[in-house]
Amino acid sequence: RFPEVYRAQALLGAQAFLVPSSFRLETGRDHWE
């Protein structure tokens, strides 16, 4: 939910993001994808 993390990684050269998660059902069905 914090795009700053991923933009900083991209600007540091990231080509892929690896994201372990335990997303809640209530938020996941609307927000995850």
PDB file of all heavy atoms in Angstrom:
ATOM      1  N   ARG A   1       0.809  -1.217   0.000  1.00  0.00           N
ATOM      2  CA  ARG A   1       0.000   0.000   0.000  1.00  0.00           C
ATOM      3  C   ARG A   1       0.844   1.269   0.000  1.00  0.00           C
ATOM      4  O   ARG A   1       0.287   2.378  -0.013  1.00  0.00           O
ATOM      5  CB  ARG A   1      -0.924   0.000   1.227  1.00  0.00           C
ATOM      6  CG  ARG A   1      -1.924  -1.147   1.227  1.00  0.00           C
ATOM      7  CD  ARG A   1      -2.858  -1.081   2.415  1.00  0.00           C
ATOM      8  NE  ARG A   1      -3.806  -2.178   2.401  1.00  0.00           N
ATOM      9  CZ  ARG A   1      -4.952  -2.200   1.720  1.00  0.00           C
ATOM     10  NH1 ARG A   1      -5.301  -1.155   0.999  1.00  0.00           N
ATOM     11  NH2 ARG A   1      -5.759  -3.247   1.771  1.00  0.00           N
ATOM     12  N   PHE A   2       2.159   1.130  -0.031  1.00  0.00           N
ATOM     13  CA  PHE A   2       3.050   2.281   0.043  1.00  0.00           C
ATOM     14  C   PHE A   2       3.938   2.309  -1.204  1.00  0.00           C
ATOM     15  O   PHE A   2       5.008   1.698  -1.226  1.00  0.00           O
ATOM     16  CB  PHE A   2       3.880   2.209   1.326  1.00  0.00           C
ATOM     17  CG  PHE A   2       3.025   2.206   2.570  1.00  0.00           C
ATOM     18  CD1 PHE A   2       2.535   1.015   3.091  1.00  0.00           C
ATOM     19  CD2 PHE A   2       2.669   3.398   3.187  1.00  0.00           C
ATOM     20  CE1 PHE A   2       1.731   1.005   4.223  1.00  0.00           C
ATOM     21  CE2 PHE A   2       1.859   3.398   4.316  1.00  0.00           C
ATOM     22  CZ  PHE A   2       1.389   2.198   4.833  1.00  0.00           C
ATOM     23  N   PRO A   3       3.503   3.040  -2.228  1.00  0.00           N
ATOM     24  CA  PRO A   3       4.236   3.012  -3.502  1.00  0.00           C
ATOM     25  C   PRO A   3       5.653   3.540  -3.396  1.00  0.00           C
ATOM     26  O   PRO A   3       6.499   3.221  -4.244  1.00  0.00           O
ATOM     27  CB  PRO A   3       3.378   3.892  -4.422  1.00  0.00           C
ATOM     28  CG  PRO A   3       2.529   4.716  -3.511  1.00  0.00           C
ATOM     29  CD  PRO A   3       2.289   3.880  -2.299  1.00  0.00           C
ATOM     30  N   GLU A   4       5.946   4.316  -2.343  1.00  0.00           N
ATOM     31  CA  GLU A   4       7.294   4.857  -2.197  1.00  0.00           C
ATOM     32  C   GLU A   4       8.341   3.745  -2.098  1.00  0.00           C
ATOM     33  O   GLU A   4       9.458   3.877  -2.611  1.00  0.00           O
ATOM     34  CB  GLU A   4       7.383   5.744  -0.945  1.00  0.00           C
ATOM     35  CG  GLU A   4       6.497   6.966  -0.975  1.00  0.00           C
ATOM     36  CD  GLU A   4       5.109   6.716  -0.393  1.00  0.00           C
ATOM     37  OE1 GLU A   4       4.710   5.539  -0.247  1.00  0.00           O
ATOM     38  OE2 GLU A   4       4.430   7.712  -0.080  1.00  0.00           O
ATOM     39  N   VAL A   5       7.995   2.646  -1.425  1.00  0.00           N
ATOM     40  CA  VAL A   5       8.934   1.530  -1.273  1.00  0.00           C
ATOM     41  C   VAL A   5       9.346   0.997  -2.635  1.00  0.00           C
ATOM     42  O   VAL A   5      10.530   0.781  -2.928  1.00  0.00           O
ATOM     43  CB  VAL A   5       8.309   0.410  -0.426  1.00  0.00           C
ATOM     44  CG1 VAL A   5       9.197  -0.838  -0.423  1.00  0.00           C
ATOM     45  CG2 VAL A   5       8.062   0.877   0.992  1.00  0.00           C
ATOM     46  N   TYR A   6       8.371   0.793  -3.495  1.00  0.00           N
ATOM     47  CA  TYR A   6       8.622   0.155  -4.786  1.00  0.00           C
ATOM     48  C   TYR A   6       9.278   1.118  -5.766  1.00  0.00           C
ATOM     49  O   TYR A   6      10.124   0.715  -6.564  1.00  0.00           O
ATOM     50  CB  TYR A   6       7.321  -0.439  -5.319  1.00  0.00           C
ATOM     51  CG  TYR A   6       6.774  -1.449  -4.346  1.00  0.00           C
ATOM     52  CD1 TYR A   6       5.902  -1.061  -3.327  1.00  0.00           C
ATOM     53  CD2 TYR A   6       7.197  -2.774  -4.377  1.00  0.00           C
ATOM     54  CE1 TYR A   6       5.451  -1.969  -2.386  1.00  0.00           C
ATOM     55  CE2 TYR A   6       6.748  -3.688  -3.436  1.00  0.00           C
ATOM     56  CZ  TYR A   6       5.883  -3.281  -2.442  1.00  0.00           C
ATOM     57  OH  TYR A   6       5.448  -4.187  -1.502  1.00  0.00           O
ATOM     58  N   ARG A   7       8.924   2.393  -5.692  1.00  0.00           N
ATOM     59  CA  ARG A   7       9.600   3.357  -6.549  1.00  0.00           C
ATOM     60  C   ARG A   7      11.065   3.478  -6.148  1.00  0.00           C
ATOM     61  O   ARG A   7      11.956   3.542  -7.006  1.00  0.00           O
ATOM     62  CB  ARG A   7       8.889   4.712  -6.478  1.00  0.00           C
ATOM     63  CG  ARG A   7       9.511   5.826  -7.335  1.00  0.00           C
ATOM     64  CD  ARG A   7       9.754   5.416  -8.793  1.00  0.00           C
ATOM     65  NE  ARG A   7       8.629   4.849  -9.464  1.00  0.00           N
ATOM     66  CZ  ARG A   7       7.727   5.544 -10.155  1.00  0.00           C
ATOM     67  NH1 ARG A   7       7.807   6.848 -10.230  1.00  0.00           N
ATOM     68  NH2 ARG A   7       6.740   4.914 -10.776  1.00  0.00           N
ATOM     69  N   ALA A   8      11.341   3.505  -4.839  1.00  0.00           N
ATOM     70  CA  ALA A   8      12.735   3.557  -4.392  1.00  0.00           C
ATOM     71  C   ALA A   8      13.499   2.326  -4.875  1.00  0.00           C
ATOM     72  O   ALA A   8      14.629   2.430  -5.355  1.00  0.00           O
ATOM     73  CB  ALA A   8      12.795   3.664  -2.868  1.00  0.00           C
ATOM     74  N   GLN A   9      12.881   1.146  -4.781  1.00  0.00           N
ATOM     75  CA  GLN A   9      13.543  -0.067  -5.253  1.00  0.00           C
ATOM     76  C   GLN A   9      13.792  -0.005  -6.757  1.00  0.00           C
ATOM     77  O   GLN A   9      14.869  -0.390  -7.237  1.00  0.00           O
ATOM     78  CB  GLN A   9      12.697  -1.291  -4.904  1.00  0.00           C
ATOM     79  CG  GLN A   9      12.660  -1.596  -3.418  1.00  0.00           C
ATOM     80  CD  GLN A   9      11.799  -2.806  -3.095  1.00  0.00           C
ATOM     81  OE1 GLN A   9      11.080  -3.325  -3.954  1.00  0.00           O
ATOM     82  NE2 GLN A   9      11.858  -3.252  -1.853  1.00  0.00           N
ATOM     83  N   ALA A  10      12.800   0.461  -7.509  1.00  0.00           N
ATOM     84  CA  ALA A  10      12.967   0.562  -8.957  1.00  0.00           C
ATOM     85  C   ALA A  10      14.108   1.504  -9.317  1.00  0.00           C
ATOM     86  O   ALA A  10      14.904   1.232 -10.224  1.00  0.00           O
ATOM     87  CB  ALA A  10      11.665   1.029  -9.608  1.00  0.00           C
ATOM     88  N   LEU A  11      14.207   2.622  -8.609  1.00  0.00           N
ATOM     89  CA  LEU A  11      15.261   3.582  -8.901  1.00  0.00           C
ATOM     90  C   LEU A  11      16.632   3.073  -8.452  1.00  0.00           C
ATOM     91  O   LEU A  11      17.666   3.578  -8.907  1.00  0.00           O
ATOM     92  CB  LEU A  11      14.950   4.922  -8.232  1.00  0.00           C
ATOM     93  CG  LEU A  11      13.695   5.628  -8.776  1.00  0.00           C
ATOM     94  CD1 LEU A  11      13.426   6.900  -8.004  1.00  0.00           C
ATOM     95  CD2 LEU A  11      13.835   5.915 -10.258  1.00  0.00           C
ATOM     96  N   LEU A  12      16.630   2.090  -7.584  1.00  0.00           N
ATOM     97  CA  LEU A  12      17.874   1.427  -7.195  1.00  0.00           C
ATOM     98  C   LEU A  12      18.185   0.241  -8.100  1.00  0.00           C
ATOM     99  O   LEU A  12      19.115  -0.513  -7.834  1.00  0.00           O
ATOM    100  CB  LEU A  12      17.794   0.975  -5.740  1.00  0.00           C
ATOM    101  CG  LEU A  12      17.827   2.115  -4.706  1.00  0.00           C
ATOM    102  CD1 LEU A  12      17.466   1.593  -3.329  1.00  0.00           C
ATOM    103  CD2 LEU A  12      19.197   2.780  -4.670  1.00  0.00           C
ATOM    104  N   GLY A  13      17.400   0.083  -9.165  1.00  0.00           N
ATOM    105  CA  GLY A  13      17.711  -0.923 -10.170  1.00  0.00           C
ATOM    106  C   GLY A  13      16.845  -2.157 -10.168  1.00  0.00           C
ATOM    107  O   GLY A  13      17.079  -3.083 -10.961  1.00  0.00           O
ATOM    108  N   ALA A  14      15.816  -2.228  -9.305  1.00  0.00           N
ATOM    109  CA  ALA A  14      14.998  -3.437  -9.232  1.00  0.00           C
ATOM    110  C   ALA A  14      14.303  -3.716 -10.562  1.00  0.00           C
ATOM    111  O   ALA A  14      13.775  -2.814 -11.209  1.00  0.00           O
ATOM    112  CB  ALA A  14      13.966  -3.319  -8.118  1.00  0.00           C
ATOM    113  N   GLN A  15      14.306  -4.979 -10.932  1.00  0.00           N
ATOM    114  CA  GLN A  15      13.574  -5.457 -12.112  1.00  0.00           C
ATOM    115  C   GLN A  15      12.395  -6.337 -11.718  1.00  0.00           C
ATOM    116  O   GLN A  15      11.531  -6.623 -12.553  1.00  0.00           O
ATOM    117  CB  GLN A  15      14.529  -6.236 -13.015  1.00  0.00           C
ATOM    118  CG  GLN A  15      15.652  -5.375 -13.574  1.00  0.00           C
ATOM    119  CD  GLN A  15      16.860  -6.197 -13.970  1.00  0.00           C
ATOM    120  OE1 GLN A  15      17.555  -6.760 -13.129  1.00  0.00           O
ATOM    121  NE2 GLN A  15      17.108  -6.289 -15.260  1.00  0.00           N
ATOM    122  N   ALA A  16      12.376  -6.765 -10.472  1.00  0.00           N
ATOM    123  CA  ALA A  16      11.265  -7.580  -9.958  1.00  0.00           C
ATOM    124  C   ALA A  16      11.127  -7.327  -8.469  1.00  0.00           C
ATOM    125  O   ALA A  16      12.101  -7.016  -7.777  1.00  0.00           O
ATOM    126  CB  ALA A  16      11.510  -9.065 -10.220  1.00  0.00           C
ATOM    127  N   PHE A  17       9.889  -7.451  -7.984  1.00  0.00           N
ATOM    128  CA  PHE A  17       9.571  -7.292  -6.575  1.00  0.00           C
ATOM    129  C   PHE A  17       9.108  -8.642  -6.025  1.00  0.00           C
ATOM    130  O   PHE A  17       8.267  -9.307  -6.640  1.00  0.00           O
ATOM    131  CB  PHE A  17       8.450  -6.272  -6.367  1.00  0.00           C
ATOM    132  CG  PHE A  17       8.723  -4.910  -6.954  1.00  0.00           C
ATOM    133  CD1 PHE A  17       7.748  -4.267  -7.709  1.00  0.00           C
ATOM    134  CD2 PHE A  17       9.930  -4.262  -6.742  1.00  0.00           C
ATOM    135  CE1 PHE A  17       7.972  -3.005  -8.237  1.00  0.00           C
ATOM    136  CE2 PHE A  17      10.170  -3.000  -7.268  1.00  0.00           C
ATOM    137  CZ  PHE A  17       9.188  -2.367  -8.026  1.00  0.00           C
ATOM    138  N   LEU A  18       9.610  -9.024  -4.861  1.00  0.00           N
ATOM    139  CA  LEU A  18       9.257 -10.289  -4.226  1.00  0.00           C
ATOM    140  C   LEU A  18       8.519  -9.978  -2.929  1.00  0.00           C
ATOM    141  O   LEU A  18       9.094  -9.373  -2.023  1.00  0.00           O
ATOM    142  CB  LEU A  18      10.519 -11.106  -3.951  1.00  0.00           C
ATOM    143  CG  LEU A  18      11.489 -11.239  -5.136  1.00  0.00           C
ATOM    144  CD1 LEU A  18      12.741 -12.008  -4.733  1.00  0.00           C
ATOM    145  CD2 LEU A  18      10.805 -11.892  -6.333  1.00  0.00           C
ATOM    146  N   VAL A  19       7.233 -10.416  -2.832  1.00  0.00           N
ATOM    147  CA  VAL A  19       6.345  -9.898  -1.785  1.00  0.00           C
ATOM    148  C   VAL A  19       5.628 -11.036  -1.033  1.00  0.00           C
ATOM    149  O   VAL A  19       4.497 -11.406  -1.377  1.00  0.00           O
ATOM    150  CB  VAL A  19       5.298  -8.935  -2.382  1.00  0.00           C
ATOM    151  CG1 VAL A  19       4.603  -8.155  -1.260  1.00  0.00           C
ATOM    152  CG2 VAL A  19       5.914  -7.975  -3.386  1.00  0.00           C
ATOM    153  N   PRO A  20       6.238 -11.605   0.011  1.00  0.00           N
ATOM    154  CA  PRO A  20       5.496 -12.523   0.880  1.00  0.00           C
ATOM    155  C   PRO A  20       4.346 -11.781   1.572  1.00  0.00           C
ATOM    156  O   PRO A  20       4.510 -10.640   2.006  1.00  0.00           O
ATOM    157  CB  PRO A  20       6.557 -12.953   1.915  1.00  0.00           C
ATOM    158  CG  PRO A  20       7.874 -12.617   1.289  1.00  0.00           C
ATOM    159  CD  PRO A  20       7.633 -11.426   0.426  1.00  0.00           C
ATOM    160  N   SER A  21       3.190 -12.443   1.700  1.00  0.00           N
ATOM    161  CA  SER A  21       2.005 -11.754   2.218  1.00  0.00           C
ATOM    162  C   SER A  21       1.112 -12.700   3.015  1.00  0.00           C
ATOM    163  O   SER A  21       1.174 -13.928   2.858  1.00  0.00           O
ATOM    164  CB  SER A  21       1.183 -11.158   1.064  1.00  0.00           C
ATOM    165  OG  SER A  21       1.939 -10.230   0.325  1.00  0.00           O
ATOM    166  N   SER A  22       0.271 -12.093   3.860  1.00  0.00           N
ATOM    167  CA  SER A  22      -0.857 -12.803   4.487  1.00  0.00           C
ATOM    168  C   SER A  22      -2.041 -11.831   4.472  1.00  0.00           C
ATOM    169  O   SER A  22      -2.515 -11.389   5.512  1.00  0.00           O
ATOM    170  CB  SER A  22      -0.522 -13.268   5.912  1.00  0.00           C
ATOM    171  OG  SER A  22      -0.152 -12.182   6.733  1.00  0.00           O
ATOM    172  N   PHE A  23      -2.496 -11.500   3.293  1.00  0.00           N
ATOM    173  CA  PHE A  23      -3.544 -10.501   3.102  1.00  0.00           C
ATOM    174  C   PHE A  23      -4.877 -11.009   3.626  1.00  0.00           C
ATOM    175  O   PHE A  23      -5.254 -12.159   3.399  1.00  0.00           O
ATOM    176  CB  PHE A  23      -3.669 -10.186   1.608  1.00  0.00           C
ATOM    177  CG  PHE A  23      -3.556  -8.726   1.269  1.00  0.00           C
ATOM    178  CD1 PHE A  23      -2.338  -8.082   1.293  1.00  0.00           C
ATOM    179  CD2 PHE A  23      -4.684  -7.991   0.912  1.00  0.00           C
ATOM    180  CE1 PHE A  23      -2.218  -6.741   0.975  1.00  0.00           C
ATOM    181  CE2 PHE A  23      -4.581  -6.655   0.597  1.00  0.00           C
ATOM    182  CZ  PHE A  23      -3.350  -6.025   0.630  1.00  0.00           C
ATOM    183  N   ARG A  24      -5.599 -10.149   4.333  1.00  0.00           N
ATOM    184  CA  ARG A  24      -6.912 -10.516   4.871  1.00  0.00           C
ATOM    185  C   ARG A  24      -7.923 -10.697   3.733  1.00  0.00           C
ATOM    186  O   ARG A  24      -7.884  -9.987   2.720  1.00  0.00           O
ATOM    187  CB  ARG A  24      -7.415  -9.425   5.813  1.00  0.00           C
ATOM    188  CG  ARG A  24      -6.482  -9.083   6.971  1.00  0.00           C
ATOM    189  CD  ARG A  24      -6.421 -10.182   8.011  1.00  0.00           C
ATOM    190  NE  ARG A  24      -5.640  -9.756   9.170  1.00  0.00           N
ATOM    191  CZ  ARG A  24      -6.158  -9.214  10.265  1.00  0.00           C
ATOM    192  NH1 ARG A  24      -7.464  -9.010  10.370  1.00  0.00           N
ATOM    193  NH2 ARG A  24      -5.379  -8.880  11.286  1.00  0.00           N
ATOM    194  N   LEU A  25      -8.877 -11.603   3.947  1.00  0.00           N
ATOM    195  CA  LEU A  25      -9.928 -11.830   2.960  1.00  0.00           C
ATOM    196  C   LEU A  25     -10.723 -10.558   2.690  1.00  0.00           C
ATOM    197  O   LEU A  25     -11.026 -10.218   1.541  1.00  0.00           O
ATOM    198  CB  LEU A  25     -10.865 -12.934   3.444  1.00  0.00           C
ATOM    199  CG  LEU A  25     -12.091 -13.215   2.577  1.00  0.00           C
ATOM    200  CD1 LEU A  25     -11.692 -13.728   1.206  1.00  0.00           C
ATOM    201  CD2 LEU A  25     -13.012 -14.234   3.284  1.00  0.00           C
ATOM    202  N   GLU A  26     -11.058  -9.812   3.759  1.00  0.00           N
ATOM    203  CA  GLU A  26     -11.949  -8.655   3.617  1.00  0.00           C
ATOM    204  C   GLU A  26     -11.336  -7.571   2.734  1.00  0.00           C
ATOM    205  O   GLU A  26     -12.037  -6.905   1.967  1.00  0.00           O
ATOM    206  CB  GLU A  26     -12.276  -8.063   4.996  1.00  0.00           C
ATOM    207  CG  GLU A  26     -13.088  -8.983   5.897  1.00  0.00           C
ATOM    208  CD  GLU A  26     -12.225  -9.949   6.685  1.00  0.00           C
ATOM    209  OE1 GLU A  26     -10.990  -9.990   6.463  1.00  0.00           O
ATOM    210  OE2 GLU A  26     -12.794 -10.678   7.516  1.00  0.00           O
ATOM    211  N   THR A  27     -10.035  -7.363   2.849  1.00  0.00           N
ATOM    212  CA  THR A  27      -9.381  -6.349   2.027  1.00  0.00           C
ATOM    213  C   THR A  27      -8.868  -6.942   0.713  1.00  0.00           C
ATOM    214  O   THR A  27      -8.842  -6.267  -0.310  1.00  0.00           O
ATOM    215  CB  THR A  27      -8.205  -5.712   2.779  1.00  0.00           C
ATOM    216  OG1 THR A  27      -7.325  -6.741   3.237  1.00  0.00           O
ATOM    217  CG2 THR A  27      -8.699  -4.908   3.972  1.00  0.00           C
ATOM    218  N   GLY A  28      -8.474  -8.203   0.763  1.00  0.00           N
ATOM    219  CA  GLY A  28      -7.888  -8.827  -0.423  1.00  0.00           C
ATOM    220  C   GLY A  28      -8.825  -8.892  -1.606  1.00  0.00           C
ATOM    221  O   GLY A  28      -8.414  -8.677  -2.749  1.00  0.00           O
ATOM    222  N   ARG A  29     -10.105  -9.142  -1.350  1.00  0.00           N
ATOM    223  CA  ARG A  29     -11.026  -9.310  -2.484  1.00  0.00           C
ATOM    224  C   ARG A  29     -11.222  -8.017  -3.257  1.00  0.00           C
ATOM    225  O   ARG A  29     -11.624  -8.047  -4.433  1.00  0.00           O
ATOM    226  CB  ARG A  29     -12.355  -9.872  -2.008  1.00  0.00           C
ATOM    227  CG  ARG A  29     -13.059  -9.055  -0.948  1.00  0.00           C
ATOM    228  CD  ARG A  29     -14.185  -9.857  -0.312  1.00  0.00           C
ATOM    229  NE  ARG A  29     -14.793  -9.153   0.803  1.00  0.00           N
ATOM    230  CZ  ARG A  29     -15.498  -9.739   1.760  1.00  0.00           C
ATOM    231  NH1 ARG A  29     -15.694 -11.048   1.713  1.00  0.00           N
ATOM    232  NH2 ARG A  29     -16.026  -9.039   2.734  1.00  0.00           N
ATOM    233  N   ASP A  30     -10.953  -6.867  -2.634  1.00  0.00           N
ATOM    234  CA  ASP A  30     -11.088  -5.585  -3.332  1.00  0.00           C
ATOM    235  C   ASP A  30      -9.749  -4.957  -3.701  1.00  0.00           C
ATOM    236  O   ASP A  30      -9.679  -4.184  -4.670  1.00  0.00           O
ATOM    237  CB  ASP A  30     -11.866  -4.585  -2.473  1.00  0.00           C
ATOM    238  CG  ASP A  30     -13.317  -4.984  -2.275  1.00  0.00           C
ATOM    239  OD1 ASP A  30     -13.901  -5.535  -3.231  1.00  0.00           O
ATOM    240  OD2 ASP A  30     -13.850  -4.781  -1.177  1.00  0.00           O
ATOM    241  N   HIS A  31      -8.687  -5.255  -2.945  1.00  0.00           N
ATOM    242  CA  HIS A  31      -7.446  -4.496  -3.083  1.00  0.00           C
ATOM    243  C   HIS A  31      -6.262  -5.278  -3.617  1.00  0.00           C
ATOM    244  O   HIS A  31      -5.344  -4.694  -4.176  1.00  0.00           O
ATOM    245  CB  HIS A  31      -7.050  -3.903  -1.722  1.00  0.00           C
ATOM    246  CG  HIS A  31      -8.076  -3.003  -1.139  1.00  0.00           C
ATOM    247  ND1 HIS A  31      -8.055  -2.603   0.187  1.00  0.00           N
ATOM    248  CD2 HIS A  31      -9.163  -2.393  -1.680  1.00  0.00           C
ATOM    249  CE1 HIS A  31      -9.073  -1.807   0.441  1.00  0.00           C
ATOM    250  NE2 HIS A  31      -9.772  -1.679  -0.683  1.00  0.00           N
ATOM    251  N   TRP A  32      -6.214  -6.577  -3.400  1.00  0.00           N
ATOM    252  CA  TRP A  32      -5.017  -7.386  -3.662  1.00  0.00           C
ATOM    253  C   TRP A  32      -4.539  -7.253  -5.108  1.00  0.00           C
ATOM    254  O   TRP A  32      -3.413  -6.808  -5.371  1.00  0.00           O
ATOM    255  CB  TRP A  32      -5.321  -8.830  -3.309  1.00  0.00           C
ATOM    256  CG  TRP A  32      -4.294  -9.873  -3.619  1.00  0.00           C
ATOM    257  CD1 TRP A  32      -4.389 -10.850  -4.565  1.00  0.00           C
ATOM    258  CD2 TRP A  32      -3.037 -10.093  -2.953  1.00  0.00           C
ATOM    259  NE1 TRP A  32      -3.289 -11.665  -4.545  1.00  0.00           N
ATOM    260  CE2 TRP A  32      -2.440 -11.222  -3.560  1.00  0.00           C
ATOM    261  CE3 TRP A  32      -2.376  -9.450  -1.922  1.00  0.00           C
ATOM    262  CZ2 TRP A  32      -1.192 -11.715  -3.166  1.00  0.00           C
ATOM    263  CZ3 TRP A  32      -1.135  -9.938  -1.517  1.00  0.00           C
ATOM    264  CH2 TRP A  32      -0.554 -11.053  -2.142  1.00  0.00           C
ATOM    265  N   GLU A  33      -5.361  -7.638  -6.054  1.00  0.00           N
ATOM    266  CA  GLU A  33      -4.926  -7.606  -7.454  1.00  0.00           C
ATOM    267  C   GLU A  33      -4.651  -6.179  -7.922  1.00  0.00           C
ATOM    268  O   GLU A  33      -3.693  -5.936  -8.666  1.00  0.00           O
ATOM    269  CB  GLU A  33      -5.979  -8.259  -8.359  1.00  0.00           C
ATOM    270  CG  GLU A  33      -5.547  -8.296  -9.817  1.00  0.00           C
ATOM    271  CD  GLU A  33      -6.523  -9.030 -10.716  1.00  0.00           C
ATOM    272  OE1 GLU A  33      -7.298  -9.874 -10.205  1.00  0.00           O
ATOM    273  OE2 GLU A  33      -6.507  -8.769 -11.932  1.00  0.00           O
TER     274      GLU A  33
END
